[in-house]
Protein backbone atom coordinates (compact mmCIF):
# COMPACT_ATOMS: atom_id res chain seq x y z
CA MET A 1 31.43 -27.17 64.20
CA GLN A 2 32.82 -30.82 64.31
CA VAL A 3 34.05 -30.60 60.86
CA TYR A 4 35.92 -27.47 61.50
CA ARG A 5 37.66 -28.94 64.66
CA LEU A 6 38.37 -32.28 62.72
CA HIS A 7 40.13 -29.93 60.16
CA VAL A 8 42.07 -27.88 62.64
CA SER A 9 43.01 -31.03 64.41
CA ARG A 10 44.49 -32.63 61.23
CA LEU A 11 46.16 -29.11 60.37
CA ARG A 12 47.92 -29.54 63.68
CA VAL A 13 48.78 -33.11 63.50
CA SER A 14 50.37 -32.34 59.86
CA ARG A 15 52.39 -29.18 61.21
CA PHE A 16 53.53 -31.45 63.99
CA TYR A 17 54.89 -34.25 61.71
CA LYS A 18 56.37 -31.32 59.22
CA THR A 19 58.31 -30.02 62.12
CA MET A 20 59.51 -33.30 63.54
CA SER A 21 60.50 -34.24 59.87
CA ASN A 22 62.54 -30.73 59.69
CA ILE A 23 64.14 -31.59 63.24
CA ILE A 24 65.23 -35.19 62.24
CA ALA A 25 66.72 -33.78 59.04
CA GLN A 26 68.67 -31.17 60.80
CA ILE A 27 70.07 -33.63 63.30
CA ASN A 28 70.80 -36.35 60.52
CA GLY A 29 72.65 -33.78 58.44
CA ILE A 30 74.65 -32.74 61.51
CA VAL A 31 75.72 -36.14 62.17
CA LEU A 32 76.77 -36.65 58.47
CA TYR A 33 78.66 -33.31 58.73
CA LEU A 34 80.50 -34.56 61.99
CA LEU A 35 81.40 -37.72 60.59
CA SER A 36 82.77 -36.05 57.33
CA ALA A 37 84.86 -33.42 59.39
CA LEU A 38 86.11 -36.55 61.46
CA THR A 39 87.31 -38.10 58.26
CA TYR A 40 89.06 -34.86 56.64
CA ARG A 41 90.69 -33.75 59.74
CA THR A 42 92.07 -36.93 60.97
CA CYS A 43 92.22 -39.41 57.88
CA ARG A 44 95.75 -39.50 55.77
CA LEU A 45 94.92 -38.98 51.98
CA GLN A 46 97.43 -40.77 49.56
CA ILE A 47 96.75 -39.35 45.96
CA SER A 48 97.73 -40.56 42.78
CA GLY A 49 96.86 -38.67 39.48
CA ILE A 50 96.94 -35.35 41.34
CA ASP A 51 98.40 -33.77 38.08
CA ASN A 52 95.14 -34.77 36.34
CA PHE A 53 93.29 -32.64 38.98
CA GLU A 54 95.49 -29.77 38.26
CA GLU A 55 95.10 -30.12 34.79
CA ALA A 56 91.20 -29.76 34.89
CA LEU A 57 92.07 -26.44 37.22
CA ASP A 58 94.44 -25.02 34.48
CA LYS A 59 91.48 -25.50 32.04
CA ASP A 60 89.75 -22.23 33.95
CA LYS A 61 86.38 -23.51 33.73
CA PRO A 62 83.87 -25.56 35.64
CA PHE A 63 84.68 -29.06 36.59
CA ILE A 64 82.42 -32.03 37.51
CA ILE A 65 84.15 -34.54 40.15
CA THR A 66 82.57 -38.07 39.91
CA SER A 67 82.88 -41.24 41.60
CA TRP A 68 80.70 -44.02 42.66
CA HIS A 69 78.27 -43.07 45.47
CA GLY A 70 79.53 -45.12 48.03
CA MET A 71 82.74 -43.07 47.91
CA THR A 72 81.09 -39.96 49.08
CA MET A 73 82.98 -39.42 52.39
CA MET A 74 86.18 -39.86 50.95
CA VAL A 75 85.61 -37.45 47.87
CA ALA A 76 84.38 -34.87 50.40
CA ALA A 77 87.63 -35.20 52.45
CA PHE A 78 89.58 -34.70 49.26
CA ILE A 79 87.85 -31.57 48.12
CA CYS A 80 88.03 -30.19 51.79
CA GLN A 81 91.90 -30.86 51.83
CA LYS A 82 92.68 -29.84 48.42
CA HIS A 83 90.16 -27.32 47.22
CA ASP A 84 87.67 -24.85 48.29
CA MET A 85 84.30 -26.43 49.07
CA SER A 86 82.59 -22.97 48.54
CA THR A 87 82.87 -23.22 44.62
CA PHE A 88 81.18 -26.47 44.67
CA ILE A 89 77.52 -27.00 44.08
CA GLY A 90 75.74 -30.26 45.42
CA LEU A 91 72.68 -31.50 43.68
CA THR A 92 70.17 -33.03 46.30
CA PRO A 93 66.70 -34.76 45.57
CA ASP A 94 63.62 -32.96 46.63
CA ASP A 95 62.53 -35.37 49.25
CA TRP A 96 63.54 -36.25 52.86
CA ARG A 97 66.84 -37.57 51.68
CA GLY A 98 67.41 -34.07 50.15
CA GLN A 99 66.48 -32.42 53.44
CA ILE A 100 69.52 -34.07 55.18
CA LEU A 101 71.92 -33.59 52.22
CA MET A 102 71.07 -29.76 51.95
CA VAL A 103 72.03 -29.63 55.88
CA PHE A 104 75.32 -31.57 55.07
CA ALA A 105 76.29 -29.50 52.14
CA LYS A 106 75.63 -26.14 53.83
CA LEU A 107 77.76 -27.12 56.92
CA LEU A 108 80.49 -28.23 54.42
CA GLY A 109 80.34 -24.78 52.74
CA ALA A 110 78.92 -26.08 49.28
CA GLU A 111 75.63 -24.87 48.03
CA PRO A 112 72.86 -27.17 47.98
CA TYR A 113 70.56 -27.34 44.75
CA SER A 114 67.51 -29.50 45.34
CA MET A 115 65.81 -31.06 42.37
CA ASN A 116 63.42 -33.61 41.36
CA LEU A 117 65.79 -36.71 40.48
CA ASP A 118 63.13 -39.02 39.46
CA GLY A 119 62.51 -38.31 35.92
CA ASP A 120 59.80 -35.85 35.99
CA SER A 121 59.28 -34.32 32.65
CA SER A 122 57.19 -31.32 33.96
CA LEU A 123 57.58 -27.71 32.84
CA LYS A 124 58.66 -26.79 36.63
CA MET A 125 61.44 -29.54 36.17
CA GLY A 126 62.46 -27.97 32.89
CA ARG A 127 62.90 -24.51 34.47
CA GLU A 128 64.73 -25.85 37.59
CA LEU A 129 67.25 -27.87 35.07
CA ILE A 130 67.79 -24.95 33.00
CA ARG A 131 68.72 -22.77 36.31
CA PHE A 132 70.99 -25.40 37.52
CA ILE A 133 72.83 -25.63 34.32
CA ARG A 134 73.29 -21.73 34.21
CA LYS A 135 74.78 -22.18 37.78
CA ILE A 136 77.33 -24.45 36.32
CA SER A 137 77.88 -22.71 33.06
CA GLY A 138 78.51 -19.30 35.42
CA GLY A 139 81.53 -21.12 36.93
CA LYS A 140 80.25 -23.47 39.87
CA ASN A 141 81.65 -26.90 40.33
CA LEU A 142 79.78 -29.78 40.69
CA VAL A 143 80.12 -33.02 42.88
CA LEU A 144 78.08 -35.57 41.30
CA HIS A 145 77.85 -39.39 41.82
CA PRO A 146 76.16 -40.86 38.46
CA ASP A 147 74.76 -44.00 40.23
CA GLY A 148 73.07 -41.98 43.08
CA PRO A 149 70.84 -41.09 44.79
CA ALA A 150 69.24 -44.43 44.99
CA GLY A 151 70.93 -46.82 42.81
CA PRO A 152 71.25 -49.28 41.09
CA ALA A 153 75.09 -49.52 41.97
CA TYR A 154 77.79 -48.77 39.47
CA VAL A 155 75.32 -47.87 36.81
CA VAL A 156 76.02 -44.53 35.33
CA LYS A 157 72.67 -42.66 34.90
CA PRO A 158 72.54 -39.90 31.86
CA GLY A 159 72.46 -36.83 34.15
CA LEU A 160 76.30 -36.61 34.41
CA SER A 161 76.98 -36.65 30.68
CA PHE A 162 74.21 -34.60 29.89
CA ILE A 163 75.28 -31.53 32.23
CA ALA A 164 78.73 -32.02 30.95
CA LYS A 165 77.77 -31.72 27.53
CA LYS A 166 75.29 -28.66 28.09
CA THR A 167 77.79 -26.62 30.19
CA GLY A 168 81.14 -27.66 28.73
CA ALA A 169 82.31 -28.56 32.12
CA THR A 170 85.36 -30.83 32.62
CA ILE A 171 84.63 -34.18 34.05
CA VAL A 172 87.17 -35.17 36.83
CA PRO A 173 86.95 -39.30 37.45
CA MET A 174 87.88 -40.47 40.78
CA GLY A 175 88.29 -43.57 42.57
CA THR A 176 88.88 -43.96 46.55
CA TYR A 177 89.58 -46.85 49.04
CA CYS A 178 90.01 -47.31 52.35
CA ARG A 179 90.34 -50.84 54.36
CA HIS A 180 89.76 -49.42 57.82
CA ALA A 181 85.91 -48.40 57.73
CA TYR A 182 82.40 -49.20 58.44
CA ARG A 183 80.51 -50.26 55.04
CA VAL A 184 77.03 -49.57 55.41
CA PRO A 185 75.20 -52.60 54.41
CA ARG A 186 72.99 -51.23 51.68
CA TRP A 187 72.77 -50.68 48.18
CA ASP A 188 76.01 -48.49 47.67
CA THR A 189 78.05 -50.16 50.26
CA TYR A 190 78.75 -46.49 51.61
CA VAL A 191 81.97 -46.43 53.26
CA LEU A 192 82.67 -44.49 56.60
CA PRO A 193 86.41 -44.45 57.03
CA PHE A 194 87.41 -44.75 60.87
CA PRO A 195 89.24 -41.89 62.30
CA PHE A 196 92.95 -41.79 61.52
CA SER A 197 92.71 -44.31 58.75
CA ARG A 198 94.52 -44.24 55.29
CA ILE A 199 92.51 -43.39 52.29
CA THR A 200 93.98 -43.75 48.79
CA ILE A 201 92.50 -41.64 46.34
CA HIS A 202 93.05 -42.15 42.35
CA ILE A 203 92.12 -39.31 39.84
CA GLY A 204 91.82 -40.05 36.11
CA GLU A 205 92.53 -38.10 32.99
CA PRO A 206 89.96 -35.19 32.62
CA LEU A 207 87.33 -35.65 29.98
CA THR A 208 85.10 -33.34 28.34
CA ILE A 209 81.80 -34.24 26.09
CA SER A 210 81.60 -32.31 22.95
CA LYS A 211 78.15 -30.40 22.21
CA GLU A 212 78.30 -32.35 18.79
CA THR A 213 77.98 -35.80 20.90
CA LYS A 214 74.63 -37.53 19.92
CA ASP A 215 75.13 -40.93 21.47
CA LEU A 216 75.49 -40.29 25.25
CA ALA A 217 74.63 -44.09 25.80
CA GLU A 218 78.01 -44.77 24.66
CA THR A 219 79.59 -41.83 26.69
CA ASN A 220 77.83 -43.38 29.55
CA GLN A 221 79.54 -46.74 29.10
CA HIS A 222 82.82 -45.16 28.88
CA ILE A 223 82.46 -43.15 32.01
CA THR A 224 81.10 -46.52 33.68
CA ASN A 225 84.37 -48.41 32.62
CA ILE A 226 86.65 -45.07 33.74
CA LEU A 227 85.00 -45.20 37.08
CA HIS A 228 85.52 -49.07 37.46
CA ARG A 229 89.41 -48.45 36.59
CA MET A 230 89.68 -45.75 39.10
CA ALA A 231 88.31 -47.66 41.93
CA ALA A 232 90.37 -50.81 41.19
CA GLN A 233 93.44 -48.55 40.78
CA ALA A 234 92.83 -47.06 44.36
CA THR A 235 92.31 -50.44 45.74
CA ALA A 236 95.50 -51.46 44.25
CA ASN A 237 97.57 -48.48 45.29
CA TYR A 238 96.53 -49.17 48.93
CA TYR A 239 97.63 -52.49 49.35
CA GLU A 240 100.95 -51.42 47.31
CA GLN A 241 102.09 -49.16 50.20
CA GLN A 242 104.28 -49.95 52.38
CA GLY A 243 103.32 -50.32 56.19
CA ASP A 244 99.59 -51.33 55.75
CA LYS A 245 98.38 -52.74 59.04
C-alpha cells in the first residue's frame, strides 16, 4: 500500500511540474510575441536589396529566409511588414525552448514544426525530416537561422544547405542592424530593438543549391561568408543614413 501511495504521489508531482512547465512556456511565448509585435508595429525599416527578395518571389517556388540567430526579432519584423507570415513554417527544437517558440510562432501566424535538432539519427527522426522536407517542397516557406538554436554563433550548420538542396528552395540571405536596442548577453547577442527605433535590413542575391552538389561543407562556408557580408552591409547602411541620433 505504501509503495502504491508513493507511486501516486510521484505521478502527481510529475504532472504538476509538467503543467507548470507548459504554463511558463505559454507565458514566455506570449512575451516574445508581444516584443515582436512592438518591433514590427513601431519600428521603421530601411531596406536595401528589396529587388532580391522580389526576385525570389518571382521564382514561384518556396524560399528560405536566413540570417544569424541574434537577428531573429528584426527578420520577423520584415516578414510581418512585407510578406504573409502564414506562408512560413518555423523549425523548433523538441525541448523546453521549442515549447516557447511554438507559442511564439503560432501567435505570429506561422506554422511551428517541432523536431530533434541535436543530430539524432533514429528512424523516427528520419521520418520527421521527410515530413518536414515534404512541407517545404509542397510550398511552405521557411525562416532558418543556421547558427541556432544554441550556437556556436556565426557557424553555419549543415541543415540549411541540406534542406535547400533536397527541396530546391531558394535561399534569401539577410543581414539586419539596430543601434537602439537591448542586446541579450548570451551566445548570439540576441537583439531586441527599442520601440520606434530604426532598423536597417540588407537582402542579398537569392541562391539555390543544385541537387548534384556533393560538397556541402564548401557551400556552408560560402553561405557563412555571405551572411557576414549581409550583416556588415546592414550596419554600414545604418550609419550612412542621415539623421541618425
